[in-house]
């Protein structure tokens, strides 16, 4: 346990903003090298395999990320100085997702030397999760090979997310006709945009996910006009869409295009909602162990994985992206124990 807490403190000491994770990648590489474990690396993603990895066995991916958001202005302590106060470890990335990452690493080490596992274990410490970057987990999945299912480490209070909402960000443009504001001519692009924004606010998708609820659309930004006496001919607005497993992102996008007058352009459709069958072995195992299952509204690298995944880890998502972020040491202990308890039932 001490070496795992030391590792988390080393990660906190080294800033690892998305796309700038070189230093924490080196910390992780040095840690595995000190254990005699061969590592593979692409960009700032690192992965390791159990010693007796066999192409004849199915494979479980253990994944969490080592990048962080930038610290908020409200921090009262140095975000890069790990501080232990009683049972709390404070520092940027301690909760999201350092606690989950080091707990998965401890679990991986627990099984590393085993000769007779039913599954291979593949541990991936990934980059760019906080921005869903293209040089993060998405860039290495093809290098990893076939995965049967994945356990994604995020702060869930060790409850198991068996579904997760997806995300689309849409740039929308309403086009009108410019004219002098004193006259009666022209077509106000703001009013046209308001019609679509009103539809976004009030539209109800017919399919509702049992675990994730309805698709949620929210207009979050708007921009229009050049001066007070000119009717604007363009109004731009941004829509945040949280999709569910009831629709693909492409299906949601088409419904929006069919009902809106504005031009709708997605920045990406790749961050899909995900879910796993409740008959899957990892879900059934969790339920037998009394672990609660739920649908998650927060996005993770699950959105980029085409194989079945669950999301579970120590810490609390309510502490993520907050000032004076922390995780309880007891949460990490319990996280390691629970990961091993789950995997014992599956791989031994």
Protein backbone atom coordinates (compact mmCIF):
# COMPACT_ATOMS: atom_id res chain seq x y z
CA UNK A 1 0.00 0.00 0.00
CA UNK A 2 2.81 2.43 0.88
CA UNK A 3 4.44 2.14 -2.55
CA UNK A 4 1.08 2.78 -4.22
CA UNK A 5 0.52 5.95 -2.19
CA UNK A 6 4.10 7.01 -2.96
CA UNK A 7 3.38 6.51 -6.66
CA UNK A 8 0.25 8.66 -6.47
CA UNK A 9 2.21 11.39 -4.71
CA UNK A 10 4.87 11.26 -7.44
CA UNK A 11 2.16 11.64 -10.08
CA UNK A 12 0.70 14.66 -8.28
CA UNK A 13 4.14 16.33 -8.08
CA UNK A 14 4.45 16.27 -11.86
CA UNK A 15 1.98 18.46 -13.80
CA UNK A 16 0.16 16.36 -16.39
CA UNK A 17 -2.32 18.57 -18.19
CA UNK A 18 -3.89 16.95 -21.24
CA UNK A 19 -1.37 16.79 -24.11
CA UNK A 20 1.40 17.59 -21.59
CA UNK A 21 1.68 14.28 -19.73
CA UNK A 22 5.33 13.52 -20.51
CA UNK A 23 6.45 13.81 -16.88
CA UNK A 24 3.83 11.48 -15.43
CA UNK A 25 4.43 9.06 -18.29
CA UNK A 26 8.07 8.93 -17.16
CA UNK A 27 7.02 8.45 -13.52
CA UNK A 28 4.89 5.46 -14.52
CA UNK A 29 7.58 4.05 -16.81
CA UNK A 30 10.16 4.24 -14.02
CA UNK A 31 7.77 2.56 -11.60
CA UNK A 32 7.17 -0.44 -13.86
CA UNK A 33 10.85 -0.70 -14.79
CA UNK A 34 11.71 -0.84 -11.09
CA UNK A 35 9.45 -3.90 -10.90
CA UNK A 36 11.10 -5.53 -13.91
CA UNK A 37 7.91 -5.20 -15.94
CA UNK A 38 8.37 -4.47 -19.67
CA UNK A 39 6.42 -1.45 -20.86
CA UNK A 40 5.11 -0.33 -24.22
CA UNK A 41 4.45 3.31 -25.01
CA UNK A 42 2.80 5.38 -27.71
CA UNK A 43 2.61 9.15 -27.31
CA UNK A 44 2.01 9.50 -23.55
CA UNK A 45 0.07 6.25 -23.21
CA UNK A 46 1.79 3.35 -21.44
CA UNK A 47 0.71 -0.25 -21.19
CA UNK A 48 1.90 -3.47 -19.56
CA UNK A 49 0.81 -7.11 -19.72
CA UNK A 50 0.81 -9.84 -17.08
CA UNK A 51 3.95 -11.99 -17.23
CA UNK A 52 2.17 -15.07 -18.58
CA UNK A 53 0.11 -13.28 -21.22
CA UNK A 54 -1.17 -15.84 -23.74
CA UNK A 55 -2.74 -15.31 -27.15
CA UNK A 56 -4.98 -18.31 -26.40
CA UNK A 57 -6.79 -16.58 -23.54
CA UNK A 58 -9.40 -13.80 -23.47
CA UNK A 59 -8.14 -10.42 -22.28
CA UNK A 60 -9.35 -7.90 -19.71
CA UNK A 61 -8.30 -4.26 -20.11
CA UNK A 62 -7.65 -2.31 -16.92
CA UNK A 63 -7.60 1.37 -17.81
CA UNK A 64 -7.43 4.77 -16.20
CA UNK A 65 -5.84 8.08 -17.17
CA UNK A 66 -2.94 10.10 -15.84
CA UNK A 67 -3.77 13.49 -17.34
CA UNK A 68 -5.56 16.20 -15.37
CA UNK A 69 -7.46 19.40 -15.94
CA UNK A 70 -5.73 22.68 -15.04
CA UNK A 71 -6.14 23.82 -11.42
CA UNK A 72 -8.91 26.28 -10.63
CA UNK A 73 -8.11 29.65 -9.09
CA UNK A 74 -9.79 28.62 -5.85
CA UNK A 75 -7.02 26.29 -4.68
CA UNK A 76 -5.85 27.20 -1.18
CA UNK A 77 -2.90 24.79 -1.34
CA UNK A 78 -0.22 24.05 -3.91
CA UNK A 79 -2.03 21.64 -6.30
CA UNK A 80 1.30 19.97 -7.14
CA UNK A 81 2.39 19.42 -3.54
CA UNK A 82 0.78 16.20 -2.31
CA UNK A 83 -0.32 16.69 1.27
CA UNK A 84 -1.66 14.09 3.64
CA UNK A 85 -3.96 15.43 6.34
CA UNK A 86 -5.17 12.62 8.57
CA UNK A 87 -6.75 10.24 6.01
CA UNK A 88 -6.93 12.74 3.12
CA UNK A 89 -4.43 12.97 0.28
CA UNK A 90 -4.77 16.39 -1.36
CA UNK A 91 -3.42 17.31 -4.79
CA UNK A 92 -4.44 17.83 -8.39
CA UNK A 93 -5.49 14.52 -9.93
CA UNK A 94 -5.67 12.68 -6.60
CA UNK A 95 -9.36 11.91 -7.07
CA UNK A 96 -9.66 12.19 -10.87
CA UNK A 97 -8.29 9.75 -11.59
CA UNK A 98 -5.04 9.11 -9.71
CA UNK A 99 -6.70 7.07 -6.97
CA UNK A 100 -8.35 4.78 -9.50
CA UNK A 101 -5.18 4.50 -11.58
CA UNK A 102 -2.89 3.45 -8.72
CA UNK A 103 -5.56 1.09 -7.36
CA UNK A 104 -5.73 -0.65 -10.74
CA UNK A 105 -1.93 -0.78 -10.84
CA UNK A 106 -1.88 -2.42 -7.40
CA UNK A 107 -4.45 -4.94 -8.59
CA UNK A 108 -2.44 -5.66 -11.72
CA UNK A 109 0.70 -6.25 -9.64
CA UNK A 110 -1.27 -8.64 -7.42
CA UNK A 111 -1.85 -10.92 -10.41
CA UNK A 112 1.26 -10.18 -12.46
CA UNK A 113 3.18 -13.41 -11.64
CA UNK A 114 0.19 -15.81 -11.67
CA UNK A 115 0.61 -18.81 -13.99
CA UNK A 116 -2.96 -20.02 -14.33
CA UNK A 117 -5.21 -17.01 -14.84
CA UNK A 118 -8.31 -17.62 -16.96
CA UNK A 119 -7.86 -14.19 -18.55
CA UNK A 120 -4.91 -12.07 -19.64
CA UNK A 121 -4.58 -8.72 -17.90
CA UNK A 122 -3.65 -5.65 -19.87
CA UNK A 123 -3.12 -2.41 -17.94
CA UNK A 124 -3.25 0.88 -19.87
CA UNK A 125 -2.44 4.26 -18.33
CA UNK A 126 -3.81 6.62 -20.93
CA UNK A 127 -3.41 10.28 -21.82
CA UNK A 128 -5.72 13.06 -23.03
CA UNK A 129 -8.82 11.65 -21.33
CA UNK A 130 -9.93 15.03 -20.01
CA UNK A 131 -10.17 16.41 -23.56
CA UNK A 132 -11.11 13.15 -25.34
CA UNK A 133 -7.94 13.73 -27.36
CA UNK A 134 -7.01 11.78 -30.46
CA UNK A 135 -3.59 10.86 -29.03
CA UNK A 136 -5.13 9.27 -25.98
CA UNK A 137 -6.71 5.83 -25.61
CA UNK A 138 -8.20 5.98 -29.12
CA UNK A 139 -4.70 6.07 -30.65
CA UNK A 140 -3.53 2.83 -29.02
CA UNK A 141 -6.49 0.45 -29.10
CA UNK A 142 -5.40 -0.97 -32.45
CA UNK A 143 -1.90 -1.60 -31.04
CA UNK A 144 -3.28 -3.40 -28.02
CA UNK A 145 -5.16 -6.09 -29.93
CA UNK A 146 -8.34 -7.95 -29.04
CA UNK A 147 -10.02 -7.03 -25.74
CA UNK A 148 -12.95 -9.03 -24.35
CA UNK A 149 -14.02 -6.45 -21.81
CA UNK A 150 -12.64 -3.48 -19.92
CA UNK A 151 -12.68 -2.04 -16.42
CA UNK A 152 -12.30 1.73 -16.59
CA UNK A 153 -11.10 3.42 -13.42
CA UNK A 154 -12.92 6.63 -12.55
CA UNK A 155 -14.16 7.96 -9.19
CA UNK A 156 -17.54 6.26 -8.63
CA UNK A 157 -17.33 5.49 -4.89
CA UNK A 158 -16.70 1.89 -6.03
CA UNK A 159 -20.19 1.61 -7.46
CA UNK A 160 -20.26 0.16 -10.97
CA UNK A 161 -21.45 2.23 -13.92
CA UNK A 162 -22.88 -0.18 -16.47
CA UNK A 163 -23.99 2.56 -18.86
CA UNK A 164 -22.61 5.99 -19.69
CA UNK A 165 -23.95 8.94 -21.64
CA UNK A 166 -22.22 10.04 -24.83
CA UNK A 167 -21.49 13.57 -26.00
CA UNK A 168 -21.86 15.70 -29.10
CA UNK A 169 -21.03 19.39 -29.37
CA UNK A 170 -22.91 21.02 -32.25
CA UNK A 171 -22.14 24.32 -33.95
CA UNK A 172 -25.38 25.76 -35.31
CA UNK A 173 -25.86 28.69 -37.68
CA UNK A 174 -29.15 30.46 -38.43
CA UNK A 175 -29.01 32.61 -41.56
CA UNK A 176 -31.29 35.61 -42.13
CA UNK A 177 -31.16 38.81 -44.21
CA UNK A 178 -29.43 41.95 -42.93
CA UNK A 179 -31.29 45.28 -42.95
CA UNK A 180 -31.58 48.56 -41.04
CA UNK A 181 -33.23 48.01 -37.66
CA UNK A 182 -35.51 51.04 -38.21
CA UNK A 183 -37.18 49.51 -41.25
CA UNK A 184 -39.49 46.60 -41.88
CA UNK A 185 -37.31 44.62 -44.27
CA UNK A 186 -34.75 41.90 -43.59
CA UNK A 187 -35.01 38.64 -41.68
CA UNK A 188 -33.60 38.56 -38.18
CA UNK A 189 -31.25 35.59 -37.72
CA UNK A 190 -31.64 35.83 -33.94
CA UNK A 191 -35.38 35.17 -34.21
CA UNK A 192 -34.72 32.22 -36.53
CA UNK A 193 -32.22 30.83 -34.05
CA UNK A 194 -34.71 31.33 -31.22
CA UNK A 195 -37.19 29.08 -32.98
CA UNK A 196 -34.63 26.29 -33.11
CA UNK A 197 -33.49 26.95 -29.55
CA UNK A 198 -37.08 26.72 -28.39
CA UNK A 199 -37.40 23.38 -30.20
CA UNK A 200 -34.19 22.18 -28.52
CA UNK A 201 -35.57 23.17 -25.12
CA UNK A 202 -38.93 21.45 -25.56
CA UNK A 203 -38.36 18.44 -27.82
CA UNK A 204 -38.75 15.00 -26.25
CA UNK A 205 -37.07 11.99 -27.83
CA UNK A 206 -39.42 9.03 -28.01
CA UNK A 207 -36.93 6.45 -26.71
CA UNK A 208 -35.79 6.69 -23.10
CA UNK A 209 -32.89 4.65 -21.73
CA UNK A 210 -33.72 2.60 -18.65
CA UNK A 211 -30.36 3.42 -17.07
CA UNK A 212 -29.53 6.81 -18.56
CA UNK A 213 -32.92 8.42 -18.98
CA UNK A 214 -33.68 10.76 -21.91
CA UNK A 215 -31.31 12.34 -24.40
CA UNK A 216 -30.48 15.83 -23.11
CA UNK A 217 -29.93 18.85 -25.38
CA UNK A 218 -28.75 22.18 -23.95
CA UNK A 219 -27.97 25.42 -25.76
CA UNK A 220 -24.86 26.76 -24.06
CA UNK A 221 -23.49 29.63 -26.20
CA UNK A 222 -24.91 32.21 -28.62
CA UNK A 223 -23.34 34.94 -30.77
CA UNK A 224 -24.90 37.43 -33.19
CA UNK A 225 -24.97 41.01 -34.40
CA UNK A 226 -22.46 43.68 -35.39
CA UNK A 227 -24.12 46.86 -34.09
CA UNK A 228 -27.36 48.04 -32.49
CA UNK A 229 -29.07 49.35 -35.64
CA UNK A 230 -28.46 46.41 -37.98
CA UNK A 231 -30.71 43.36 -38.17
CA UNK A 232 -28.24 40.46 -38.01
CA UNK A 233 -28.05 38.06 -40.91
CA UNK A 234 -26.19 35.37 -38.94
CA UNK A 235 -26.73 33.92 -35.47
CA UNK A 236 -24.38 31.24 -34.21
CA UNK A 237 -25.12 29.03 -31.22
CA UNK A 238 -23.65 25.92 -29.60
CA UNK A 239 -25.61 22.92 -28.37
CA UNK A 240 -24.34 20.34 -25.86
CA UNK A 241 -26.00 16.96 -26.48
CA UNK A 242 -25.77 14.11 -23.97
CA UNK A 243 -26.83 10.98 -25.82
CA UNK A 244 -27.92 7.63 -24.40
CA UNK A 245 -27.72 4.00 -25.44
CA UNK A 246 -31.23 4.36 -26.93
CA UNK A 247 -29.76 6.20 -29.95
CA UNK A 248 -26.45 6.49 -31.72
CA UNK A 249 -25.02 10.00 -31.97
CA UNK A 250 -25.67 9.86 -35.71
CA UNK A 251 -29.36 9.09 -35.12
CA UNK A 252 -29.72 11.99 -32.68
CA UNK A 253 -27.98 14.30 -35.14
CA UNK A 254 -30.33 13.33 -37.96
CA UNK A 255 -33.42 13.96 -35.82
CA UNK A 256 -32.09 17.42 -34.99
CA UNK A 257 -31.33 18.23 -38.62
CA UNK A 258 -34.81 17.09 -39.64
CA UNK A 259 -36.44 19.47 -37.15
CA UNK A 260 -34.19 22.55 -37.22
CA UNK A 261 -33.90 25.33 -39.79
CA UNK A 262 -30.37 26.23 -38.72
CA UNK A 263 -27.35 24.53 -40.22
CA UNK A 264 -26.11 21.95 -37.70
CA UNK A 265 -22.47 20.80 -37.74
CA UNK A 266 -21.11 18.32 -35.18
CA UNK A 267 -17.56 18.83 -33.96
CA UNK A 268 -17.47 15.04 -33.59
CA UNK A 269 -19.83 12.08 -33.35
CA UNK A 270 -17.22 9.69 -31.98
CA UNK A 271 -18.08 9.99 -28.26
CA UNK A 272 -20.89 7.47 -28.18
CA UNK A 273 -23.00 6.39 -25.23
CA UNK A 274 -22.20 2.91 -23.98
CA UNK A 275 -23.81 0.12 -22.00
CA UNK A 276 -23.10 -3.47 -21.07
CA UNK A 277 -25.47 -6.38 -20.70
CA UNK A 278 -26.53 -7.05 -17.15
CA UNK A 279 -25.87 -10.72 -17.93
CA UNK A 280 -22.17 -10.01 -18.52
CA UNK A 281 -19.86 -11.84 -16.11
CA UNK A 282 -18.37 -8.65 -14.63
CA UNK A 283 -21.83 -7.18 -13.92
CA UNK A 284 -23.18 -10.42 -12.45
CA UNK A 285 -20.05 -10.70 -10.30
CA UNK A 286 -20.49 -7.16 -8.99
CA UNK A 287 -24.12 -7.80 -8.11
CA UNK A 288 -23.22 -11.00 -6.26
CA UNK A 289 -20.73 -8.97 -4.24
CA UNK A 290 -23.36 -6.39 -3.34
CA UNK A 291 -21.92 -3.63 -5.54
CA UNK A 292 -24.54 -1.14 -6.72
CA UNK A 293 -24.86 -0.58 -10.48
CA UNK A 294 -26.00 2.63 -12.15
CA UNK A 295 -26.01 4.71 -15.32
CA UNK A 296 -23.44 7.52 -15.42
CA UNK A 297 -24.01 11.02 -16.76
CA UNK A 298 -20.28 11.82 -16.88
CA UNK A 299 -18.10 11.03 -19.87
CA UNK A 300 -14.96 8.86 -19.81
CA UNK A 301 -12.76 6.97 -22.26
CA UNK A 302 -15.48 4.29 -22.33
CA UNK A 303 -16.97 6.40 -25.12
CA UNK A 304 -14.05 5.43 -27.37
CA UNK A 305 -14.10 1.69 -26.64
CA UNK A 306 -16.04 -0.65 -28.91
CA UNK A 307 -15.89 -3.64 -26.53
CA UNK A 308 -17.98 -4.09 -23.34
CA UNK A 309 -16.84 -1.91 -20.43
CA UNK A 310 -17.78 -0.95 -16.91
CA UNK A 311 -16.64 2.11 -14.97
CA UNK A 312 -15.71 1.77 -11.31
CA UNK A 313 -13.15 3.31 -9.00
CA UNK A 314 -12.37 4.88 -5.61
CA UNK A 315 -13.15 8.52 -4.97
CA UNK A 316 -16.19 10.66 -5.67
CA UNK A 317 -16.92 12.33 -9.01
CA UNK A 318 -18.29 15.35 -7.13
CA UNK A 319 -14.69 16.16 -6.10
CA UNK A 320 -13.40 16.03 -9.68
CA UNK A 321 -12.36 19.35 -11.26
CA UNK A 322 -12.69 21.16 -7.94
CA UNK A 323 -10.29 23.27 -5.89
CA UNK A 324 -8.36 21.42 -3.16
CA UNK A 325 -9.15 18.06 -4.75
CA UNK A 326 -8.55 15.08 -2.49
CA UNK A 327 -9.08 11.37 -1.99
CA UNK A 328 -9.23 9.41 1.24
CA UNK A 329 -6.44 6.86 1.70
CA UNK A 330 -9.08 4.43 2.95
CA UNK A 331 -10.90 4.81 -0.38
CA UNK A 332 -7.76 3.65 -2.18
CA UNK A 333 -7.37 0.68 0.19
CA UNK A 334 -10.99 -0.29 -0.36
CA UNK A 335 -10.64 0.26 -4.10
CA UNK A 336 -7.73 -2.18 -4.34
CA UNK A 337 -9.57 -4.73 -2.22
CA UNK A 338 -12.75 -4.45 -4.27
CA UNK A 339 -10.97 -4.64 -7.64
CA UNK A 340 -9.21 -7.81 -6.49
CA UNK A 341 -12.43 -9.23 -5.04
CA UNK A 342 -14.18 -8.75 -8.39
CA UNK A 343 -11.33 -10.18 -10.45
CA UNK A 344 -10.78 -13.14 -8.14
CA UNK A 345 -14.27 -14.33 -9.06
CA UNK A 346 -13.53 -14.00 -12.77
CA UNK A 347 -9.90 -14.84 -13.50
CA UNK A 348 -8.90 -17.39 -10.87
